[in-house]
Structure formats: structure tokens, C-alpha cells
Amino acid sequence: MRQFNIYFDIETIPTQSDNIKNYIQSNLTAPANYKKPDSISAWLEENKEPAYRKTALNGGFGQIVCIGYAINDGDVKVIHFDNWASSEKKYCNYFLMI
């Protein structure tokens, strides 16, 4: 039986949905040890953008922009669709054909 090593590099970006971004940012809560309103407000303002950006690594919210892969020591191939915002199904179909 022949063994294959497959290597993937998947590049993702945060959600592009304004509704999800707004939901995440408006439901963000400061840690319980923050008591002063000014401190809570400052923490929330400081963490809104990072909370949104973390959706890039969330399978339910992030979006795939491109995938690089190699099989064994073969050449690296990159899959990219111009309309990446609606192309995740195309990525899956591509890998079913390999």
C-alpha cells in the first residue's frame, strides 16, 4: 500500500456579513473583574475589532479565500476563485475531483 502525505494551507478572512460583525461586536462583554464603567467601555472599544477578526478562524463565520496544497514532495498548487465570497462549495468540489 502506497502512503501519501498531503499538506494544506488554508487562507481565511473574517466574516464579510455586516449582520454577524455587528452581532459579535454588540454582544461582546468585558471580563467580570472589570467594575468601573469607564474601564468596561475602554475594554469593549479596544476588543471590538479583535473579536470580529477572530471569526476568520471560525468555521461557521470565516470565509476561505484560497487553499494551497501539495502531495508528498510534489509542486505546491493553489486554488483561488475570483468570486471567493461565494466559492466555498467550489473548493469542496475541487478536492473531491483530486
PDB file of N, CA and C in Angstrom:
ATOM      1  N   MET A   1       0.843  -1.174   0.000  1.00  0.00           N
ATOM      2  CA  MET A   1       0.000   0.000   0.000  1.00  0.00           C
ATOM      3  C   MET A   1       0.896   1.247   0.000  1.00  0.00           C
ATOM      4  N   ARG A   2       0.602   2.171  -0.902  1.00  0.00           N
ATOM      5  CA  ARG A   2       1.387   3.391  -1.035  1.00  0.00           C
ATOM      6  C   ARG A   2       0.859   4.453  -0.063  1.00  0.00           C
ATOM      7  N   GLN A   3       1.774   5.149   0.592  1.00  0.00           N
ATOM      8  CA  GLN A   3       1.393   6.181   1.550  1.00  0.00           C
ATOM      9  C   GLN A   3       1.545   7.557   0.915  1.00  0.00           C
ATOM     10  N   PHE A   4       0.562   8.424   1.166  1.00  0.00           N
ATOM     11  CA  PHE A   4       0.591   9.795   0.677  1.00  0.00           C
ATOM     12  C   PHE A   4       0.610  10.753   1.848  1.00  0.00           C
ATOM     13  N   ASN A   5       1.381  11.795   1.710  1.00  0.00           N
ATOM     14  CA  ASN A   5       1.340  12.905   2.656  1.00  0.00           C
ATOM     15  C   ASN A   5       0.732  14.086   1.913  1.00  0.00           C
ATOM     16  N   ILE A   6      -0.320  14.629   2.462  1.00  0.00           N
ATOM     17  CA  ILE A   6      -0.976  15.780   1.856  1.00  0.00           C
ATOM     18  C   ILE A   6      -0.834  16.961   2.809  1.00  0.00           C
ATOM     19  N   TYR A   7      -0.384  18.097   2.274  1.00  0.00           N
ATOM     20  CA  TYR A   7      -0.164  19.293   3.067  1.00  0.00           C
ATOM     21  C   TYR A   7      -1.124  20.383   2.588  1.00  0.00           C
ATOM     22  N   PHE A   8      -1.807  21.025   3.532  1.00  0.00           N
ATOM     23  CA  PHE A   8      -2.767  22.079   3.219  1.00  0.00           C
ATOM     24  C   PHE A   8      -2.376  23.379   3.906  1.00  0.00           C
ATOM     25  N   ASP A   9      -2.647  24.468   3.246  1.00  0.00           N
ATOM     26  CA  ASP A   9      -2.571  25.803   3.852  1.00  0.00           C
ATOM     27  C   ASP A   9      -3.831  26.527   3.396  1.00  0.00           C
ATOM     28  N   ILE A  10      -4.713  26.773   4.325  1.00  0.00           N
ATOM     29  CA  ILE A  10      -5.995  27.400   4.002  1.00  0.00           C
ATOM     30  C   ILE A  10      -5.969  28.835   4.527  1.00  0.00           C
ATOM     31  N   GLU A  11      -6.168  29.777   3.624  1.00  0.00           N
ATOM     32  CA  GLU A  11      -6.180  31.193   3.996  1.00  0.00           C
ATOM     33  C   GLU A  11      -7.628  31.651   4.162  1.00  0.00           C
ATOM     34  N   THR A  12      -7.912  32.218   5.313  1.00  0.00           N
ATOM     35  CA  THR A  12      -9.271  32.662   5.608  1.00  0.00           C
ATOM     36  C   THR A  12      -9.286  34.126   5.992  1.00  0.00           C
ATOM     37  N   ILE A  13     -10.459  34.712   5.899  1.00  0.00           N
ATOM     38  CA  ILE A  13     -10.669  36.090   6.320  1.00  0.00           C
ATOM     39  C   ILE A  13     -11.881  36.120   7.250  1.00  0.00           C
ATOM     40  N   PRO A  14     -12.021  37.182   8.042  1.00  0.00           N
ATOM     41  CA  PRO A  14     -13.193  37.295   8.922  1.00  0.00           C
ATOM     42  C   PRO A  14     -14.487  37.358   8.115  1.00  0.00           C
ATOM     43  N   THR A  15     -15.581  37.116   8.810  1.00  0.00           N
ATOM     44  CA  THR A  15     -16.891  37.195   8.174  1.00  0.00           C
ATOM     45  C   THR A  15     -17.032  38.495   7.399  1.00  0.00           C
ATOM     46  N   GLN A  16     -17.706  38.424   6.280  1.00  0.00           N
ATOM     47  CA  GLN A  16     -17.961  39.610   5.478  1.00  0.00           C
ATOM     48  C   GLN A  16     -19.398  40.091   5.663  1.00  0.00           C
ATOM     49  N   SER A  17     -20.117  39.425   6.553  1.00  0.00           N
ATOM     50  CA  SER A  17     -21.501  39.794   6.832  1.00  0.00           C
ATOM     51  C   SER A  17     -21.537  40.915   7.877  1.00  0.00           C
ATOM     52  N   ASP A  18     -22.109  42.042   7.494  1.00  0.00           N
ATOM     53  CA  ASP A  18     -22.252  43.144   8.450  1.00  0.00           C
ATOM     54  C   ASP A  18     -23.146  42.752   9.622  1.00  0.00           C
ATOM     55  N   ASN A  19     -24.150  41.914   9.368  1.00  0.00           N
ATOM     56  CA  ASN A  19     -25.043  41.477  10.451  1.00  0.00           C
ATOM     57  C   ASN A  19     -24.289  40.680  11.506  1.00  0.00           C
ATOM     58  N   ILE A  20     -23.448  39.754  11.074  1.00  0.00           N
ATOM     59  CA  ILE A  20     -22.679  38.940  12.027  1.00  0.00           C
ATOM     60  C   ILE A  20     -21.652  39.804  12.747  1.00  0.00           C
ATOM     61  N   LYS A  21     -20.982  40.676  12.000  1.00  0.00           N
ATOM     62  CA  LYS A  21     -19.987  41.568  12.619  1.00  0.00           C
ATOM     63  C   LYS A  21     -20.651  42.428  13.696  1.00  0.00           C
ATOM     64  N   ASN A  22     -21.782  43.020  13.378  1.00  0.00           N
ATOM     65  CA  ASN A  22     -22.493  43.852  14.351  1.00  0.00           C
ATOM     66  C   ASN A  22     -22.957  43.039  15.549  1.00  0.00           C
ATOM     67  N   TYR A  23     -23.446  41.820  15.306  1.00  0.00           N
ATOM     68  CA  TYR A  23     -23.906  40.959  16.401  1.00  0.00           C
ATOM     69  C   TYR A  23     -22.751  40.651  17.352  1.00  0.00           C
ATOM     70  N   ILE A  24     -21.613  40.259  16.799  1.00  0.00           N
ATOM     71  CA  ILE A  24     -20.455  39.916  17.634  1.00  0.00           C
ATOM     72  C   ILE A  24     -19.990  41.124  18.434  1.00  0.00           C
ATOM     73  N   GLN A  25     -19.904  42.257  17.777  1.00  0.00           N
ATOM     74  CA  GLN A  25     -19.396  43.442  18.465  1.00  0.00           C
ATOM     75  C   GLN A  25     -20.377  44.000  19.485  1.00  0.00           C
ATOM     76  N   SER A  26     -21.675  43.868  19.228  1.00  0.00           N
ATOM     77  CA  SER A  26     -22.629  44.419  20.195  1.00  0.00           C
ATOM     78  C   SER A  26     -22.929  43.457  21.350  1.00  0.00           C
ATOM     79  N   ASN A  27     -22.555  42.189  21.217  1.00  0.00           N
ATOM     80  CA  ASN A  27     -22.774  41.232  22.303  1.00  0.00           C
ATOM     81  C   ASN A  27     -21.492  40.897  23.054  1.00  0.00           C
ATOM     82  N   LEU A  28     -20.450  41.641  22.780  1.00  0.00           N
ATOM     83  CA  LEU A  28     -19.180  41.459  23.474  1.00  0.00           C
ATOM     84  C   LEU A  28     -19.328  41.944  24.916  1.00  0.00           C
ATOM     85  N   THR A  29     -18.812  41.185  25.857  1.00  0.00           N
ATOM     86  CA  THR A  29     -18.875  41.593  27.267  1.00  0.00           C
ATOM     87  C   THR A  29     -17.470  41.605  27.861  1.00  0.00           C
ATOM     88  N   ALA A  30     -17.236  42.563  28.702  1.00  0.00           N
ATOM     89  CA  ALA A  30     -15.940  42.686  29.374  1.00  0.00           C
ATOM     90  C   ALA A  30     -15.815  41.581  30.429  1.00  0.00           C
ATOM     91  N   PRO A  31     -14.586  41.214  30.782  1.00  0.00           N
ATOM     92  CA  PRO A  31     -14.389  40.234  31.851  1.00  0.00           C
ATOM     93  C   PRO A  31     -15.054  40.701  33.150  1.00  0.00           C
ATOM     94  N   ALA A  32     -15.452  39.753  33.969  1.00  0.00           N
ATOM     95  CA  ALA A  32     -16.199  40.039  35.202  1.00  0.00           C
ATOM     96  C   ALA A  32     -15.414  40.895  36.188  1.00  0.00           C
ATOM     97  N   ASN A  33     -14.075  40.874  36.104  1.00  0.00           N
ATOM     98  CA  ASN A  33     -13.294  41.661  37.061  1.00  0.00           C
ATOM     99  C   ASN A  33     -13.248  43.146  36.709  1.00  0.00           C
ATOM    100  N   TYR A  34     -13.816  43.537  35.583  1.00  0.00           N
ATOM    101  CA  TYR A  34     -13.931  44.965  35.227  1.00  0.00           C
ATOM    102  C   TYR A  34     -15.200  45.502  35.892  1.00  0.00           C
ATOM    103  N   LYS A  35     -15.053  46.481  36.743  1.00  0.00           N
ATOM    104  CA  LYS A  35     -16.187  47.020  37.507  1.00  0.00           C
ATOM    105  C   LYS A  35     -16.537  48.456  37.140  1.00  0.00           C
ATOM    106  N   LYS A  36     -15.529  49.280  36.848  1.00  0.00           N
ATOM    107  CA  LYS A  36     -15.771  50.690  36.564  1.00  0.00           C
ATOM    108  C   LYS A  36     -16.323  50.850  35.136  1.00  0.00           C
ATOM    109  N   PRO A  37     -17.376  51.626  34.986  1.00  0.00           N
ATOM    110  CA  PRO A  37     -17.959  51.839  33.644  1.00  0.00           C
ATOM    111  C   PRO A  37     -16.950  52.346  32.614  1.00  0.00           C
ATOM    112  N   ASP A  38     -16.051  53.228  33.037  1.00  0.00           N
ATOM    113  CA  ASP A  38     -15.043  53.732  32.094  1.00  0.00           C
ATOM    114  C   ASP A  38     -14.103  52.615  31.639  1.00  0.00           C
ATOM    115  N   SER A  39     -13.725  51.758  32.579  1.00  0.00           N
ATOM    116  CA  SER A  39     -12.839  50.638  32.244  1.00  0.00           C
ATOM    117  C   SER A  39     -13.547  49.645  31.327  1.00  0.00           C
ATOM    118  N   ILE A  40     -14.821  49.390  31.611  1.00  0.00           N
ATOM    119  CA  ILE A  40     -15.601  48.471  30.770  1.00  0.00           C
ATOM    120  C   ILE A  40     -15.728  49.034  29.354  1.00  0.00           C
ATOM    121  N   SER A  41     -16.060  50.313  29.241  1.00  0.00           N
ATOM    122  CA  SER A  41     -16.194  50.953  27.930  1.00  0.00           C
ATOM    123  C   SER A  41     -14.887  50.913  27.153  1.00  0.00           C
ATOM    124  N   ALA A  42     -13.793  51.195  27.830  1.00  0.00           N
ATOM    125  CA  ALA A  42     -12.481  51.178  27.175  1.00  0.00           C
ATOM    126  C   ALA A  42     -12.140  49.765  26.703  1.00  0.00           C
ATOM    127  N   TRP A  43     -12.413  48.757  27.543  1.00  0.00           N
ATOM    128  CA  TRP A  43     -12.126  47.368  27.165  1.00  0.00           C
ATOM    129  C   TRP A  43     -12.966  46.968  25.950  1.00  0.00           C
ATOM    130  N   LEU A  44     -14.245  47.294  25.963  1.00  0.00           N
ATOM    131  CA  LEU A  44     -15.123  46.947  24.852  1.00  0.00           C
ATOM    132  C   LEU A  44     -14.649  47.606  23.554  1.00  0.00           C
ATOM    133  N   GLU A  45     -14.302  48.872  23.619  1.00  0.00           N
ATOM    134  CA  GLU A  45     -13.838  49.580  22.423  1.00  0.00           C
ATOM    135  C   GLU A  45     -12.545  48.973  21.892  1.00  0.00           C
ATOM    136  N   GLU A  46     -11.659  48.600  22.793  1.00  0.00           N
ATOM    137  CA  GLU A  46     -10.369  48.026  22.419  1.00  0.00           C
ATOM    138  C   GLU A  46     -10.514  46.620  21.826  1.00  0.00           C
ATOM    139  N   ASN A  47     -11.550  45.885  22.223  1.00  0.00           N
ATOM    140  CA  ASN A  47     -11.677  44.486  21.824  1.00  0.00           C
ATOM    141  C   ASN A  47     -12.723  44.217  20.748  1.00  0.00           C
ATOM    142  N   LYS A  48     -13.427  45.230  20.285  1.00  0.00           N
ATOM    143  CA  LYS A  48     -14.432  45.027  19.233  1.00  0.00           C
ATOM    144  C   LYS A  48     -13.810  44.496  17.949  1.00  0.00           C
ATOM    145  N   GLU A  49     -12.779  45.140  17.496  1.00  0.00           N
ATOM    146  CA  GLU A  49     -12.140  44.730  16.229  1.00  0.00           C
ATOM    147  C   GLU A  49     -11.482  43.350  16.341  1.00  0.00           C
ATOM    148  N   PRO A  50     -10.709  43.083  17.411  1.00  0.00           N
ATOM    149  CA  PRO A  50     -10.140  41.734  17.529  1.00  0.00           C
ATOM    150  C   PRO A  50     -11.205  40.634  17.608  1.00  0.00           C
ATOM    151  N   ALA A  51     -12.329  40.894  18.255  1.00  0.00           N
ATOM    152  CA  ALA A  51     -13.403  39.892  18.344  1.00  0.00           C
ATOM    153  C   ALA A  51     -13.940  39.573  16.953  1.00  0.00           C
ATOM    154  N   TYR A  52     -14.120  40.603  16.142  1.00  0.00           N
ATOM    155  CA  TYR A  52     -14.582  40.409  14.768  1.00  0.00           C
ATOM    156  C   TYR A  52     -13.533  39.654  13.952  1.00  0.00           C
ATOM    157  N   ARG A  53     -12.285  40.021  14.091  1.00  0.00           N
ATOM    158  CA  ARG A  53     -11.218  39.394  13.305  1.00  0.00           C
ATOM    159  C   ARG A  53     -11.058  37.913  13.633  1.00  0.00           C
ATOM    160  N   LYS A  54     -11.374  37.512  14.857  1.00  0.00           N
ATOM    161  CA  LYS A  54     -11.274  36.099  15.239  1.00  0.00           C
ATOM    162  C   LYS A  54     -12.231  35.217  14.461  1.00  0.00           C
ATOM    163  N   THR A  55     -13.238  35.791  13.828  1.00  0.00           N
ATOM    164  CA  THR A  55     -14.161  34.965  13.044  1.00  0.00           C
ATOM    165  C   THR A  55     -13.471  34.339  11.838  1.00  0.00           C
ATOM    166  N   ALA A  56     -12.284  34.824  11.471  1.00  0.00           N
ATOM    167  CA  ALA A  56     -11.536  34.231  10.359  1.00  0.00           C
ATOM    168  C   ALA A  56     -11.195  32.777  10.654  1.00  0.00           C
ATOM    169  N   LEU A  57     -11.036  32.433  11.917  1.00  0.00           N
ATOM    170  CA  LEU A  57     -10.675  31.065  12.301  1.00  0.00           C
ATOM    171  C   LEU A  57     -11.875  30.254  12.776  1.00  0.00           C
ATOM    172  N   ASN A  58     -13.064  30.779  12.582  1.00  0.00           N
ATOM    173  CA  ASN A  58     -14.291  30.103  12.989  1.00  0.00           C
ATOM    174  C   ASN A  58     -14.943  29.502  11.744  1.00  0.00           C
ATOM    175  N   GLY A  59     -15.105  28.199  11.741  1.00  0.00           N
ATOM    176  CA  GLY A  59     -15.678  27.521  10.579  1.00  0.00           C
ATOM    177  C   GLY A  59     -17.085  27.965  10.231  1.00  0.00           C
ATOM    178  N   GLY A  60     -17.795  28.537  11.190  1.00  0.00           N
ATOM    179  CA  GLY A  60     -19.143  28.987  10.924  1.00  0.00           C
ATOM    180  C   GLY A  60     -19.226  30.403  10.393  1.00  0.00           C
ATOM    181  N   PHE A  61     -18.186  31.196  10.602  1.00  0.00           N
ATOM    182  CA  PHE A  61     -18.237  32.605  10.223  1.00  0.00           C
ATOM    183  C   PHE A  61     -17.160  33.023   9.220  1.00  0.00           C
ATOM    184  N   GLY A  62     -15.963  32.462   9.331  1.00  0.00           N
ATOM    185  CA  GLY A  62     -14.867  32.858   8.451  1.00  0.00           C
ATOM    186  C   GLY A  62     -15.109  32.410   7.024  1.00  0.00           C
ATOM    187  N   GLN A  63     -14.363  32.997   6.109  1.00  0.00           N
ATOM    188  CA  GLN A  63     -14.501  32.635   4.703  1.00  0.00           C
ATOM    189  C   GLN A  63     -13.150  32.240   4.131  1.00  0.00           C
ATOM    190  N   ILE A  64     -13.165  31.195   3.313  1.00  0.00           N
ATOM    191  CA  ILE A  64     -11.950  30.725   2.656  1.00  0.00           C
ATOM    192  C   ILE A  64     -11.672  31.616   1.454  1.00  0.00           C
ATOM    193  N   VAL A  65     -10.432  32.094   1.359  1.00  0.00           N
ATOM    194  CA  VAL A  65     -10.034  32.917   0.228  1.00  0.00           C
ATOM    195  C   VAL A  65      -9.238  32.084  -0.780  1.00  0.00           C
ATOM    196  N   CYS A  66      -8.326  31.249  -0.286  1.00  0.00           N
ATOM    197  CA  CYS A  66      -7.580  30.357  -1.170  1.00  0.00           C
ATOM    198  C   CYS A  66      -7.036  29.188  -0.363  1.00  0.00           C
ATOM    199  N   ILE A  67      -6.680  28.133  -1.091  1.00  0.00           N
ATOM    200  CA  ILE A  67      -6.116  26.934  -0.471  1.00  0.00           C
ATOM    201  C   ILE A  67      -4.870  26.551  -1.251  1.00  0.00           C
ATOM    202  N   GLY A  68      -3.790  26.347  -0.536  1.00  0.00           N
ATOM    203  CA  GLY A  68      -2.580  25.812  -1.134  1.00  0.00           C
ATOM    204  C   GLY A  68      -2.423  24.378  -0.671  1.00  0.00           C
ATOM    205  N   TYR A  69      -1.941  23.508  -1.560  1.00  0.00           N
ATOM    206  CA  TYR A  69      -1.744  22.119  -1.149  1.00  0.00           C
ATOM    207  C   TYR A  69      -0.605  21.484  -1.932  1.00  0.00           C
ATOM    208  N   ALA A  70      -0.052  20.448  -1.356  1.00  0.00           N
ATOM    209  CA  ALA A  70       0.980  19.660  -2.020  1.00  0.00           C
ATOM    210  C   ALA A  70       0.786  18.213  -1.593  1.00  0.00           C
ATOM    211  N   ILE A  71       1.088  17.316  -2.494  1.00  0.00           N
ATOM    212  CA  ILE A  71       1.033  15.888  -2.208  1.00  0.00           C
ATOM    213  C   ILE A  71       2.459  15.368  -2.252  1.00  0.00           C
ATOM    214  N   ASN A  72       2.863  14.739  -1.142  1.00  0.00           N
ATOM    215  CA  ASN A  72       4.242  14.286  -0.959  1.00  0.00           C
ATOM    216  C   ASN A  72       5.191  15.446  -1.244  1.00  0.00           C
ATOM    217  N   ASP A  73       6.187  15.239  -2.082  1.00  0.00           N
ATOM    218  CA  ASP A  73       7.144  16.302  -2.388  1.00  0.00           C
ATOM    219  C   ASP A  73       6.819  16.987  -3.715  1.00  0.00           C
ATOM    220  N   GLY A  74       5.588  16.860  -4.159  1.00  0.00           N
ATOM    221  CA  GLY A  74       5.177  17.464  -5.428  1.00  0.00           C
ATOM    222  C   GLY A  74       5.077  18.974  -5.346  1.00  0.00           C
ATOM    223  N   ASP A  75       4.834  19.558  -6.495  1.00  0.00           N
ATOM    224  CA  ASP A  75       4.686  21.003  -6.567  1.00  0.00           C
ATOM    225  C   ASP A  75       3.505  21.474  -5.730  1.00  0.00           C
ATOM    226  N   VAL A  76       3.645  22.670  -5.200  1.00  0.00           N
ATOM    227  CA  VAL A  76       2.549  23.291  -4.453  1.00  0.00           C
ATOM    228  C   VAL A  76       1.555  23.850  -5.469  1.00  0.00           C
ATOM    229  N   LYS A  77       0.294  23.553  -5.256  1.00  0.00           N
ATOM    230  CA  LYS A  77      -0.764  24.070  -6.111  1.00  0.00           C
ATOM    231  C   LYS A  77      -1.638  24.987  -5.268  1.00  0.00           C
ATOM    232  N   VAL A  78      -2.171  26.024  -5.896  1.00  0.00           N
ATOM    233  CA  VAL A  78      -3.023  26.983  -5.196  1.00  0.00           C
ATOM    234  C   VAL A  78      -4.355  27.059  -5.920  1.00  0.00           C
ATOM    235  N   ILE A  79      -5.424  26.971  -5.140  1.00  0.00           N
ATOM    236  CA  ILE A  79      -6.772  27.089  -5.686  1.00  0.00           C
ATOM    237  C   ILE A  79      -7.312  28.436  -5.234  1.00  0.00           C
ATOM    238  N   HIS A  80      -7.781  29.203  -6.184  1.00  0.00           N
ATOM    239  CA  HIS A  80      -8.345  30.516  -5.888  1.00  0.00           C
ATOM    240  C   HIS A  80      -9.449  30.787  -6.891  1.00  0.00           C
ATOM    241  N   PHE A  81     -10.571  31.227  -6.408  1.00  0.00           N
ATOM    242  CA  PHE A  81     -11.675  31.611  -7.290  1.00  0.00           C
ATOM    243  C   PHE A  81     -11.861  33.113  -7.186  1.00  0.00           C
ATOM    244  N   ASP A  82     -12.088  33.759  -8.320  1.00  0.00           N
ATOM    245  CA  ASP A  82     -12.252  35.210  -8.321  1.00  0.00           C
ATOM    246  C   ASP A  82     -13.385  35.662  -7.415  1.00  0.00           C
ATOM    247  N   ASN A  83     -14.467  34.907  -7.400  1.00  0.00           N
ATOM    248  CA  ASN A  83     -15.607  35.249  -6.550  1.00  0.00           C
ATOM    249  C   ASN A  83     -15.518  34.432  -5.260  1.00  0.00           C
ATOM    250  N   TRP A  84     -14.492  34.733  -4.450  1.00  0.00           N
ATOM    251  CA  TRP A  84     -14.241  33.941  -3.250  1.00  0.00           C
ATOM    252  C   TRP A  84     -15.375  34.039  -2.240  1.00  0.00           C
ATOM    253  N   ALA A  85     -16.162  35.097  -2.279  1.00  0.00           N
ATOM    254  CA  ALA A  85     -17.224  35.280  -1.291  1.00  0.00           C
ATOM    255  C   ALA A  85     -18.297  34.204  -1.396  1.00  0.00           C
ATOM    256  N   SER A  86     -18.439  33.581  -2.550  1.00  0.00           N
ATOM    257  CA  SER A  86     -19.460  32.535  -2.697  1.00  0.00           C
ATOM    258  C   SER A  86     -18.865  31.258  -3.276  1.00  0.00           C
ATOM    259  N   SER A  87     -17.595  30.990  -2.999  1.00  0.00           N
ATOM    260  CA  SER A  87     -16.931  29.881  -3.668  1.00  0.00           C
ATOM    261  C   SER A  87     -16.613  28.675  -2.789  1.00  0.00           C
ATOM    262  N   GLU A  88     -17.033  28.645  -1.535  1.00  0.00           N
ATOM    263  CA  GLU A  88     -16.646  27.533  -0.671  1.00  0.00           C
ATOM    264  C   GLU A  88     -17.113  26.184  -1.208  1.00  0.00           C
ATOM    265  N   LYS A  89     -18.283  26.130  -1.797  1.00  0.00           N
ATOM    266  CA  LYS A  89     -18.766  24.881  -2.376  1.00  0.00           C
ATOM    267  C   LYS A  89     -17.860  24.451  -3.529  1.00  0.00           C
ATOM    268  N   LYS A  90     -17.350  25.407  -4.302  1.00  0.00           N
ATOM    269  CA  LYS A  90     -16.439  25.094  -5.407  1.00  0.00           C
ATOM    270  C   LYS A  90     -15.149  24.484  -4.874  1.00  0.00           C
ATOM    271  N   TYR A  91     -14.635  24.997  -3.739  1.00  0.00           N
ATOM    272  CA  TYR A  91     -13.425  24.423  -3.144  1.00  0.00           C
ATOM    273  C   TYR A  91     -13.657  22.959  -2.801  1.00  0.00           C
ATOM    274  N   CYS A  92     -14.784  22.669  -2.176  1.00  0.00           N
ATOM    275  CA  CYS A  92     -15.089  21.287  -1.792  1.00  0.00           C
ATOM    276  C   CYS A  92     -15.178  20.396  -3.025  1.00  0.00           C
ATOM    277  N   ASN A  93     -15.864  20.845  -4.037  1.00  0.00           N
ATOM    278  CA  ASN A  93     -15.995  20.066  -5.264  1.00  0.00           C
ATOM    279  C   ASN A  93     -14.647  19.835  -5.927  1.00  0.00           C
ATOM    280  N   TYR A  94     -13.779  20.815  -5.875  1.00  0.00           N
ATOM    281  CA  TYR A  94     -12.444  20.682  -6.467  1.00  0.00           C
ATOM    282  C   TYR A  94     -11.683  19.527  -5.814  1.00  0.00           C
ATOM    283  N   PHE A  95     -11.724  19.458  -4.484  1.00  0.00           N
ATOM    284  CA  PHE A  95     -10.970  18.428  -3.784  1.00  0.00           C
ATOM    285  C   PHE A  95     -11.606  17.043  -3.939  1.00  0.00           C
ATOM    286  N   LEU A  96     -12.857  16.977  -4.234  1.00  0.00           N
ATOM    287  CA  LEU A  96     -13.474  15.676  -4.499  1.00  0.00           C
ATOM    288  C   LEU A  96     -12.979  15.099  -5.817  1.00  0.00           C
ATOM    289  N   MET A  97     -12.519  15.960  -6.712  1.00  0.00           N
ATOM    290  CA  MET A  97     -12.074  15.505  -8.022  1.00  0.00           C
ATOM    291  C   MET A  97     -10.608  15.101  -8.030  1.00  0.00           C
ATOM    292  N   ILE A  98      -9.821  15.436  -7.004  1.00  0.00           N
ATOM    293  CA  ILE A  98      -8.385  15.108  -6.982  1.00  0.00           C
ATOM    294  C   ILE A  98      -8.189  13.615  -6.821  1.00  0.00           C
TER     295      ILE A  98
END
